[in-house]
Structures are given as C-alpha cells and as structure tokens.
C-alpha cells in the first residue's frame, strides 16, 4: 500500500481575522512547501494539493505550488487532489502537469474530479446545468491527449482539435491520472469502465457504508479488463494523531468544528457538536483522530472493507497549528505506516 498526505491549503478564518490577507496567504503557502519537503523526508509516497477558489483556501492552482516543491524534493509523487477538470481546459492541464513531470523527473500525477464546491463554474464561465457533460467530455479529451492519440477531437463545450499531440511531453511517456469521487455509483462505474485508478474521499458517515461503492468500482474495472490484482484504489480520510487519544481529540476539534460548522451553515446544516465529533472519531466513524494505535487499527479496519492500494491522510484543517500538524505527520510516518505495513504482510 502507498501512503501519503493531502491538503486543501486551509487558511483558517481565525488567522485571517488577526493577520492581513496577503501576509496570511504567504505564510500558509510557505508552510505548504515545508509540509511537502517534510513528507518527502519522512519517506511518504504521495503528496496531493486540492484546488479551491474561496477565501478560506490558498490553493487555486495546485500545479504552481507543486512545481515550487519539485526541485526541492527527491522521491515523493506530486499530485493534485483534485484538479477541478469540469471548469478547466484539459489542454492546459496536460501542459502544466507535463511541465511538472519534467521538473520532478517523472513524479507528477493528476487527480481529477468535479470538486466539492461550485465557485469555479461561474468564475470561468461555465453553466452548472452542464455539470456532468463538462466532466465527461473534458476527461475524454485529457485521456486522449495523455495517450498522444492521432487524429482530431470534437466536443460540445470546447473548440475542436485537429491533432491530439500536445506539448511539452512529460518526462515519462504518460502522466498517471486518477479520478476522485465522493461515493456516487455513477462515479465508480465511470472510473472502472475507463480503467482509471480511483480515490474515494471518506469525510463523513461510516466507512462501512462505502463498501458497496468500492465493490462496484472493482466489478466495473474487472469487467473492463483490468486484472483484479492490478486495480488501484485510494482512500482519503481526515487524520490527526497525537501521543494520546484525548490530546488528539482536544487539539483537532476546534479547527475542525470551525471549518465544518462554517461550511455546514452554507449548506443548511447545524453546527458541529462535540458529541457528533466524538462519534465521527469512534471506531465506526470516518475521522481518524486519536493515538497512533487507534489510527493503525482504523486503517487496517478500512483495508478489510476496501482492500485499497493507497491511503492519503488529510491532516491540515482550518487554523490548525503548523507545529502540531508536523508532529502528527511525523507520528503517521514513523509509527503508523510501519506498523500498518507490517500487519498487511501477514494478510
């Protein structure tokens, strides 16, 4: 199993309230670079950056920040998490990540999705009524460019192309492309039919509820011709680790509750209560917040459910202290990952 970190580059409203916006953004981006370098030093396999177009996140263009870390890192794969392909241009996405692949000597990945927010659609002039069509069409174009297929391409939402040979070329012949999903059956079937690796974000509810989704993906992939042992499935969960369970809960709750309550208010949800938080951090819940052993047990529990090949820990949340975040990353890499790998060898 591969292990890594991902982040949305949360800025945190409390930080914004006491620091000028430009200064706060600069500080957060510097911390992001530090996190990527630290993850590489810790021997992690992947680091992913999400794309958002909101005041509370600093990453609107993941590839730019990934490129800043490319020459400073040695081994870690650099991925978006996600690229909102529906409101972007597949040609430019390919060119940017091909350049990142050159800068990193072949460590670039693209994780495409439709995103959890909709700000990018009106920002770039797209109609939300075309939500599904945009993603399907643009993913088709990106995949064909990545294959450097001959011949023209014609679409409805983007000007046609006479040739699918786009430059620059990546360091490797092709850029790995993953699809990210939140649990809808159509997403599982699409990724399986296209023979693409799939990442499932489990940010709420109970992990066991998603077993049917991952099984549907695997069935679709096998039906499309992928051998069972070659299927790539990633799980992405919020993770925070401290020396003790109570310490982890106490440190993670304030920034997590602030973010989830603020986003929830936009969507008509009630504020997050500590009781709900504790349930989410329990054995049945989606949050991996606790001691190293608790997180080890939960990852192994999810492996029994999903049999996944990659796990991404989303650790940063709101105004979480950077030093505490680094300590959580360190515990994950030096305690959790070795024990999980040891246990998996016995399965």
Protein backbone atom coordinates (compact mmCIF):
# COMPACT_ATOMS: atom_id res chain seq x y z
CA UNK A 1 0.00 0.00 0.00
CA UNK A 2 1.15 3.54 -0.78
CA UNK A 3 0.85 6.20 1.90
CA UNK A 4 0.76 9.95 1.61
CA UNK A 5 -0.67 13.26 2.68
CA UNK A 6 -3.08 15.66 1.03
CA UNK A 7 -4.31 19.11 1.89
CA UNK A 8 -6.60 21.85 0.62
CA UNK A 9 -4.26 24.54 1.90
CA UNK A 10 -6.72 25.72 4.53
CA UNK A 11 -6.11 29.31 5.54
CA UNK A 12 -8.30 29.38 8.63
CA UNK A 13 -10.67 32.22 9.45
CA UNK A 14 -9.16 32.95 12.90
CA UNK A 15 -5.82 33.59 11.18
CA UNK A 16 -7.47 35.87 8.64
CA UNK A 17 -9.10 37.91 11.40
CA UNK A 18 -5.81 38.87 13.02
CA UNK A 19 -3.43 38.92 10.01
CA UNK A 20 -3.62 40.84 6.70
CA UNK A 21 -4.89 38.53 3.94
CA UNK A 22 -1.75 38.77 1.81
CA UNK A 23 0.53 38.06 4.74
CA UNK A 24 -1.59 35.13 5.93
CA UNK A 25 -1.63 33.63 2.43
CA UNK A 26 2.15 33.98 2.11
CA UNK A 27 2.69 32.27 5.47
CA UNK A 28 0.35 29.39 4.60
CA UNK A 29 2.00 28.75 1.22
CA UNK A 30 5.42 28.67 2.88
CA UNK A 31 4.05 26.12 5.33
CA UNK A 32 2.67 24.06 2.44
CA UNK A 33 6.12 23.88 0.87
CA UNK A 34 7.54 22.87 4.25
CA UNK A 35 4.91 20.12 4.57
CA UNK A 36 5.78 18.71 1.15
CA UNK A 37 9.51 18.70 1.92
CA UNK A 38 8.86 17.12 5.31
CA UNK A 39 6.66 14.43 3.75
CA UNK A 40 9.47 13.63 1.30
CA UNK A 41 12.00 13.43 4.15
CA UNK A 42 9.65 11.09 6.02
CA UNK A 43 9.58 8.73 3.05
CA UNK A 44 5.95 9.22 2.08
CA UNK A 45 4.85 8.09 -1.38
CA UNK A 46 2.46 10.89 -2.37
CA UNK A 47 1.57 14.50 -1.57
CA UNK A 48 -1.63 15.97 -3.02
CA UNK A 49 -2.89 19.56 -3.19
CA UNK A 50 -6.55 20.44 -3.66
CA UNK A 51 -7.96 23.20 -5.88
CA UNK A 52 -10.40 25.76 -4.49
CA UNK A 53 -11.47 29.28 -5.41
CA UNK A 54 -12.55 30.53 -2.00
CA UNK A 55 -11.27 32.92 0.62
CA UNK A 56 -10.58 30.14 3.10
CA UNK A 57 -8.09 28.23 0.91
CA UNK A 58 -4.80 29.39 -0.62
CA UNK A 59 -4.53 26.88 -3.48
CA UNK A 60 -6.43 27.84 -6.62
CA UNK A 61 -3.72 26.37 -8.89
CA UNK A 62 -2.19 23.24 -7.33
CA UNK A 63 0.40 22.69 -10.04
CA UNK A 64 2.13 26.02 -9.31
CA UNK A 65 2.84 25.11 -5.68
CA UNK A 66 3.69 21.52 -6.58
CA UNK A 67 6.20 22.87 -9.09
CA UNK A 68 7.80 25.00 -6.39
CA UNK A 69 8.44 21.82 -4.38
CA UNK A 70 9.52 19.69 -7.35
CA UNK A 71 13.25 20.56 -7.41
CA UNK A 72 13.41 20.55 -3.59
CA UNK A 73 12.04 17.03 -3.17
CA UNK A 74 13.58 13.74 -4.29
CA UNK A 75 11.17 10.83 -4.29
CA UNK A 76 7.61 11.82 -3.41
CA UNK A 77 4.91 11.83 -6.09
CA UNK A 78 3.35 15.27 -6.56
CA UNK A 79 -0.37 15.22 -7.29
CA UNK A 80 -3.40 17.46 -7.42
CA UNK A 81 -6.16 16.44 -5.04
CA UNK A 82 -8.13 17.43 -7.00
CA UNK A 83 -7.94 19.32 -10.28
CA UNK A 84 -11.48 20.56 -10.96
CA UNK A 85 -11.44 19.42 -14.57
CA UNK A 86 -15.02 20.42 -15.36
CA UNK A 87 -14.13 24.14 -15.22
CA UNK A 88 -10.59 23.86 -16.60
CA UNK A 89 -9.07 23.31 -20.03
CA UNK A 90 -7.70 19.76 -20.50
CA UNK A 91 -5.01 21.02 -22.88
CA UNK A 92 -3.63 23.45 -20.29
CA UNK A 93 -3.98 20.88 -17.51
CA UNK A 94 -1.90 18.43 -19.54
CA UNK A 95 0.72 21.03 -20.43
CA UNK A 96 1.08 22.20 -16.84
CA UNK A 97 1.42 18.70 -15.41
CA UNK A 98 3.76 17.62 -18.22
CA UNK A 99 5.97 20.54 -17.18
CA UNK A 100 5.70 19.46 -13.53
CA UNK A 101 6.65 15.95 -14.61
CA UNK A 102 9.79 17.33 -16.24
CA UNK A 103 10.66 19.46 -13.19
CA UNK A 104 10.20 16.50 -10.85
CA UNK A 105 11.87 13.93 -13.13
CA UNK A 106 8.73 11.90 -13.58
CA UNK A 107 6.86 12.31 -10.27
CA UNK A 108 3.74 14.20 -11.42
CA UNK A 109 0.22 12.86 -11.09
CA UNK A 110 -3.18 14.32 -11.92
CA UNK A 111 -6.20 13.58 -9.75
CA UNK A 112 -9.30 14.86 -11.49
CA UNK A 113 -12.74 15.44 -10.03
CA UNK A 114 -15.71 17.76 -10.01
CA UNK A 115 -14.82 19.28 -6.65
CA UNK A 116 -16.89 19.78 -3.52
CA UNK A 117 -17.64 23.47 -4.25
CA UNK A 118 -19.09 25.20 -7.30
CA UNK A 119 -17.33 28.60 -7.31
CA UNK A 120 -15.13 27.70 -10.28
CA UNK A 121 -18.09 27.24 -12.64
CA UNK A 122 -19.34 30.85 -12.75
CA UNK A 123 -15.76 32.10 -12.28
CA UNK A 124 -14.67 30.56 -15.57
CA UNK A 125 -17.97 30.99 -17.40
CA UNK A 126 -19.48 27.51 -17.19
CA UNK A 127 -23.11 26.56 -16.58
CA UNK A 128 -23.86 24.25 -13.66
CA UNK A 129 -26.56 22.65 -15.78
CA UNK A 130 -23.71 21.13 -17.80
CA UNK A 131 -22.08 19.69 -14.66
CA UNK A 132 -21.93 16.05 -15.81
CA UNK A 133 -21.40 16.74 -19.51
CA UNK A 134 -18.44 19.01 -18.83
CA UNK A 135 -16.62 16.44 -16.74
CA UNK A 136 -17.24 13.53 -19.12
CA UNK A 137 -16.17 15.47 -22.21
CA UNK A 138 -13.08 17.05 -20.67
CA UNK A 139 -11.93 13.80 -19.10
CA UNK A 140 -12.25 12.15 -22.52
CA UNK A 141 -10.04 14.83 -24.07
CA UNK A 142 -7.44 14.71 -21.28
CA UNK A 143 -7.13 10.92 -21.53
CA UNK A 144 -6.71 11.04 -25.31
CA UNK A 145 -4.07 13.78 -25.10
CA UNK A 146 -2.24 11.73 -22.47
CA UNK A 147 -2.19 8.81 -24.89
CA UNK A 148 -0.97 11.17 -27.66
CA UNK A 149 -3.54 9.67 -29.97
CA UNK A 150 -3.59 10.50 -33.66
CA UNK A 151 -6.50 12.22 -35.33
CA UNK A 152 -8.87 15.06 -34.49
CA UNK A 153 -11.08 15.53 -31.44
CA UNK A 154 -14.54 17.10 -31.46
CA UNK A 155 -16.51 18.25 -28.46
CA UNK A 156 -19.52 20.30 -27.44
CA UNK A 157 -18.08 22.50 -24.68
CA UNK A 158 -14.59 23.14 -26.04
CA UNK A 159 -13.24 24.05 -29.51
CA UNK A 160 -12.29 21.02 -31.60
CA UNK A 161 -8.68 19.96 -32.14
CA UNK A 162 -7.09 18.82 -35.38
CA UNK A 163 -4.39 16.91 -33.53
CA UNK A 164 -4.08 15.39 -30.08
CA UNK A 165 -0.30 15.79 -29.98
CA UNK A 166 0.18 18.45 -27.30
CA UNK A 167 3.50 19.75 -25.99
CA UNK A 168 5.62 19.72 -23.92
CA UNK A 169 5.75 15.99 -23.40
CA UNK A 170 6.12 14.68 -19.84
CA UNK A 171 9.34 13.12 -18.56
CA UNK A 172 7.56 9.79 -18.59
CA UNK A 173 5.55 8.78 -21.63
CA UNK A 174 2.26 9.29 -19.80
CA UNK A 175 1.10 11.09 -16.67
CA UNK A 176 -0.76 8.91 -14.14
CA UNK A 177 -4.37 10.11 -13.98
CA UNK A 178 -6.62 9.26 -11.03
CA UNK A 179 -10.32 10.02 -10.63
CA UNK A 180 -11.53 11.32 -7.27
CA UNK A 181 -15.08 10.64 -6.11
CA UNK A 182 -17.29 11.14 -3.09
CA UNK A 183 -19.38 7.99 -3.27
CA UNK A 184 -21.88 8.25 -6.14
CA UNK A 185 -22.35 4.93 -8.02
CA UNK A 186 -22.01 6.61 -11.42
CA UNK A 187 -18.51 7.79 -10.49
CA UNK A 188 -17.46 4.27 -9.54
CA UNK A 189 -18.78 2.82 -12.79
CA UNK A 190 -17.19 5.57 -14.91
CA UNK A 191 -13.73 5.13 -13.39
CA UNK A 192 -13.94 1.35 -13.72
CA UNK A 193 -15.03 1.43 -17.35
CA UNK A 194 -12.24 3.87 -18.20
CA UNK A 195 -9.71 1.62 -16.41
CA UNK A 196 -8.60 4.52 -14.21
CA UNK A 197 -7.36 4.44 -10.61
CA UNK A 198 -9.97 5.78 -8.20
CA UNK A 199 -9.64 7.73 -4.96
CA UNK A 200 -12.61 7.76 -2.59
CA UNK A 201 -12.87 10.60 -0.08
CA UNK A 202 -14.49 9.42 3.16
CA UNK A 203 -15.11 12.61 5.11
CA UNK A 204 -18.35 11.72 6.86
CA UNK A 205 -20.65 8.90 7.80
CA UNK A 206 -19.42 5.38 8.48
CA UNK A 207 -16.69 3.79 6.31
CA UNK A 208 -18.68 0.56 6.08
CA UNK A 209 -21.33 2.41 4.08
CA UNK A 210 -18.83 2.83 1.23
CA UNK A 211 -18.03 -0.86 0.74
CA UNK A 212 -20.75 -1.21 -1.91
CA UNK A 213 -19.25 1.75 -3.79
CA UNK A 214 -15.73 0.30 -3.87
CA UNK A 215 -17.07 -3.13 -4.84
CA UNK A 216 -18.98 -1.55 -7.71
CA UNK A 217 -15.79 0.15 -8.89
CA UNK A 218 -13.82 -3.10 -8.75
CA UNK A 219 -16.53 -5.00 -10.60
CA UNK A 220 -16.60 -2.34 -13.33
CA UNK A 221 -12.81 -2.34 -13.61
CA UNK A 222 -12.62 -6.13 -13.87
CA UNK A 223 -15.39 -6.11 -16.49
CA UNK A 224 -13.35 -3.56 -18.46
CA UNK A 225 -10.37 -5.92 -18.48
CA UNK A 226 -8.22 -4.89 -15.51
CA UNK A 227 -6.82 -7.89 -13.62
CA UNK A 228 -8.04 -7.88 -10.02
CA UNK A 229 -4.51 -7.62 -8.62
CA UNK A 230 -3.78 -4.52 -10.74
CA UNK A 231 -6.74 -2.42 -9.59
CA UNK A 232 -5.64 0.81 -7.89
CA UNK A 233 -7.99 2.17 -5.23
CA UNK A 234 -7.17 5.02 -2.89
CA UNK A 235 -8.90 6.10 0.33
CA UNK A 236 -8.67 9.67 1.58
CA UNK A 237 -9.63 10.47 5.20
CA UNK A 238 -9.13 13.24 7.73
CA UNK A 239 -6.33 12.19 10.07
CA UNK A 240 -4.85 13.74 13.19
CA UNK A 241 -2.53 11.95 15.59
CA UNK A 242 -1.13 12.87 18.99
CA UNK A 243 0.57 10.88 21.76
CA UNK A 244 -2.78 10.18 23.41
CA UNK A 245 -6.33 9.91 22.15
CA UNK A 246 -7.63 12.74 24.32
CA UNK A 247 -4.84 15.06 23.25
CA UNK A 248 -5.64 14.41 19.59
CA UNK A 249 -9.36 15.00 20.13
CA UNK A 250 -8.80 18.19 22.11
CA UNK A 251 -6.33 19.66 19.58
CA UNK A 252 -8.24 18.75 16.42
CA UNK A 253 -11.79 19.58 17.48
CA UNK A 254 -11.57 23.43 17.50
CA UNK A 255 -10.23 23.90 13.92
CA UNK A 256 -12.30 21.01 12.58
CA UNK A 257 -15.53 22.23 14.17
CA UNK A 258 -14.93 25.80 12.94
CA UNK A 259 -14.48 24.65 9.34
CA UNK A 260 -17.29 22.11 9.28
CA UNK A 261 -19.74 24.45 11.03
CA UNK A 262 -18.93 27.31 8.63
CA UNK A 263 -19.30 25.14 5.53
CA UNK A 264 -22.33 23.47 7.05
CA UNK A 265 -24.01 26.83 7.53
CA UNK A 266 -23.66 27.48 3.78
CA UNK A 267 -25.40 24.19 3.09
CA UNK A 268 -28.08 24.40 5.76
CA UNK A 269 -26.51 22.00 8.24
CA UNK A 270 -26.46 22.53 12.03
CA UNK A 271 -23.17 23.45 13.76
CA UNK A 272 -20.91 20.50 14.56
CA UNK A 273 -21.33 19.40 18.16
CA UNK A 274 -18.62 17.77 20.22
CA UNK A 275 -20.86 14.71 20.53
CA UNK A 276 -21.06 14.35 16.74
CA UNK A 277 -17.31 14.86 16.53
CA UNK A 278 -16.68 12.10 19.05
CA UNK A 279 -18.91 9.73 17.10
CA UNK A 280 -17.04 10.51 13.86
CA UNK A 281 -13.77 9.75 15.69
CA UNK A 282 -15.12 6.49 17.11
CA UNK A 283 -14.42 3.04 15.66
CA UNK A 284 -17.48 3.31 13.39
CA UNK A 285 -16.87 6.87 12.20
CA UNK A 286 -14.96 8.44 9.33
CA UNK A 287 -12.43 10.53 11.27
CA UNK A 288 -9.03 9.02 12.09
CA UNK A 289 -8.29 11.15 15.13
CA UNK A 290 -6.53 9.64 18.11
CA UNK A 291 -3.40 7.87 19.25
CA UNK A 292 -1.10 6.11 16.75
CA UNK A 293 -2.54 2.71 17.69
CA UNK A 294 -6.11 3.89 17.13
CA UNK A 295 -5.23 5.14 13.65
CA UNK A 296 -3.36 1.90 12.89
CA UNK A 297 -6.44 -0.11 13.87
CA UNK A 298 -8.75 2.07 11.79
CA UNK A 299 -6.62 1.89 8.65
CA UNK A 300 -6.49 -1.90 8.96
CA UNK A 301 -10.26 -1.98 9.53
CA UNK A 302 -10.78 0.01 6.34
CA UNK A 303 -8.41 -2.30 4.48
CA UNK A 304 -10.67 -5.20 5.43
CA UNK A 305 -13.59 -3.26 3.95
CA UNK A 306 -11.97 -1.96 0.78
CA UNK A 307 -8.69 -3.75 0.06
CA UNK A 308 -7.27 -0.43 -1.15
CA UNK A 309 -3.78 0.16 -2.53
CA UNK A 310 -3.26 3.76 -1.38
CA UNK A 311 -4.15 5.78 1.71
CA UNK A 312 -3.96 9.58 1.84
CA UNK A 313 -4.14 11.34 5.18
CA UNK A 314 -5.74 14.79 5.01
CA UNK A 315 -4.29 16.39 8.13
CA UNK A 316 -4.47 20.16 7.82
CA UNK A 317 -7.77 21.68 8.85
CA UNK A 318 -8.61 25.34 9.27
CA UNK A 319 -6.29 27.11 11.66
CA UNK A 320 -4.53 24.01 12.96
CA UNK A 321 -1.14 24.91 14.43
CA UNK A 322 1.67 24.10 11.99
CA UNK A 323 3.97 22.58 14.63
CA UNK A 324 1.20 20.27 15.80
CA UNK A 325 0.48 19.34 12.19
CA UNK A 326 4.14 18.41 11.64
CA UNK A 327 4.11 16.27 14.78
CA UNK A 328 1.01 14.49 13.53
CA UNK A 329 2.70 13.89 10.16
CA UNK A 330 5.76 12.53 11.94
CA UNK A 331 3.76 10.11 14.07
CA UNK A 332 1.88 8.92 10.99
CA UNK A 333 5.06 8.28 9.01
CA UNK A 334 7.27 6.84 11.74
CA UNK A 335 4.78 4.90 13.86
CA UNK A 336 1.53 4.28 11.97
CA UNK A 337 2.81 3.46 8.48
CA UNK A 338 5.48 0.91 9.54
CA UNK A 339 3.01 -0.94 11.77
CA UNK A 340 0.32 -0.99 9.07
CA UNK A 341 2.80 -2.31 6.50
CA UNK A 342 3.94 -4.98 8.96
CA UNK A 343 0.34 -6.06 9.57
CA UNK A 344 -0.52 -6.10 5.87
CA UNK A 345 2.35 -8.52 5.15
CA UNK A 346 0.56 -11.05 7.35
CA UNK A 347 -2.74 -10.75 5.48
